[in-house]
């Protein structure tokens, strides 16, 4: 208990640094640049993936071609082109 009280008192007794003494330094700069690069790489990857999705959709990978080619009365996804 006494050690905790002593530690708390010593911690509170220390003066905070002056405003001109506090700087981010090179570490903060490196972290900021790293985060910017990470976001840029994620955006680049997202654009590539969306291009692949758009190309796959145009080629009919997702079944969109069946819906477009089906007759108006047929249910989506059915392959039977005859109606009764």
Protein backbone atom coordinates (compact mmCIF):
# COMPACT_ATOMS: atom_id res chain seq x y z
CA UNK A 1 0.00 0.00 0.00
CA UNK A 2 2.82 2.39 0.93
CA UNK A 3 4.72 1.57 -2.24
CA UNK A 4 1.64 2.33 -4.35
CA UNK A 5 1.12 5.63 -2.55
CA UNK A 6 4.80 6.54 -2.99
CA UNK A 7 4.74 5.64 -6.70
CA UNK A 8 1.57 7.69 -7.26
CA UNK A 9 3.01 10.68 -5.42
CA UNK A 10 6.28 10.59 -7.36
CA UNK A 11 4.44 10.26 -10.66
CA UNK A 12 2.15 13.19 -9.90
CA UNK A 13 5.05 15.34 -8.63
CA UNK A 14 6.89 15.21 -11.96
CA UNK A 15 6.38 18.28 -14.10
CA UNK A 16 5.04 17.76 -17.60
CA UNK A 17 7.38 18.68 -20.45
CA UNK A 18 7.18 22.10 -22.00
CA UNK A 19 5.26 22.51 -25.25
CA UNK A 20 8.41 23.22 -27.28
CA UNK A 21 10.04 20.05 -25.95
CA UNK A 22 7.34 17.74 -27.31
CA UNK A 23 7.93 16.69 -30.92
CA UNK A 24 6.78 13.72 -32.97
CA UNK A 25 10.22 13.14 -34.48
CA UNK A 26 11.20 10.69 -37.15
CA UNK A 27 9.23 7.85 -35.60
CA UNK A 28 5.95 9.72 -35.97
CA UNK A 29 6.86 10.68 -39.52
CA UNK A 30 7.67 7.06 -40.41
CA UNK A 31 4.40 5.82 -38.91
CA UNK A 32 2.39 8.44 -40.84
CA UNK A 33 4.13 7.60 -44.13
CA UNK A 34 3.64 3.88 -43.49
CA UNK A 35 -0.07 4.36 -42.91
CA UNK A 36 -0.40 6.44 -46.08
CA UNK A 37 1.37 3.72 -48.07
CA UNK A 38 -0.83 1.02 -46.54
CA UNK A 39 -4.01 2.89 -47.50
CA UNK A 40 -2.68 3.51 -51.02
CA UNK A 41 -1.89 -0.21 -51.46
CA UNK A 42 -5.33 -1.20 -50.18
CA UNK A 43 -7.01 1.20 -52.62
CA UNK A 44 -4.90 -0.10 -55.51
CA UNK A 45 -5.78 -3.69 -54.65
CA UNK A 46 -9.49 -2.80 -54.31
CA UNK A 47 -9.53 -1.22 -57.77
CA UNK A 48 -7.88 -4.32 -59.28
CA UNK A 49 -10.40 -6.62 -57.60
CA UNK A 50 -13.34 -4.51 -58.78
CA UNK A 51 -12.00 -4.67 -62.35
CA UNK A 52 -11.90 -8.46 -62.08
CA UNK A 53 -15.47 -8.52 -60.74
CA UNK A 54 -16.70 -6.26 -63.54
CA UNK A 55 -14.98 -8.43 -66.17
CA UNK A 56 -16.39 -11.62 -64.66
CA UNK A 57 -19.87 -10.10 -64.59
CA UNK A 58 -19.60 -9.12 -68.25
CA UNK A 59 -18.52 -12.64 -69.23
CA UNK A 60 -21.43 -14.17 -67.33
CA UNK A 61 -19.59 -15.89 -64.49
CA UNK A 62 -22.25 -14.85 -61.98
CA UNK A 63 -25.23 -16.09 -64.01
CA UNK A 64 -26.25 -12.69 -65.29
CA UNK A 65 -26.12 -13.95 -68.90
CA UNK A 66 -28.82 -16.56 -68.17
CA UNK A 67 -31.16 -13.91 -66.80
CA UNK A 68 -30.64 -11.70 -69.83
CA UNK A 69 -31.06 -14.54 -72.37
CA UNK A 70 -34.09 -16.15 -70.72
CA UNK A 71 -37.53 -15.53 -72.26
CA UNK A 72 -39.76 -13.05 -70.47
CA UNK A 73 -42.15 -15.69 -69.08
CA UNK A 74 -39.44 -18.04 -67.82
CA UNK A 75 -38.25 -18.06 -64.25
CA UNK A 76 -34.72 -16.79 -63.69
CA UNK A 77 -32.20 -19.61 -63.83
CA UNK A 78 -34.47 -22.08 -65.63
CA UNK A 79 -33.05 -23.74 -68.74
CA UNK A 80 -36.38 -24.85 -70.17
CA UNK A 81 -37.21 -22.50 -73.05
CA UNK A 82 -40.58 -24.10 -73.86
CA UNK A 83 -43.74 -22.80 -72.22
CA UNK A 84 -46.95 -24.76 -71.73
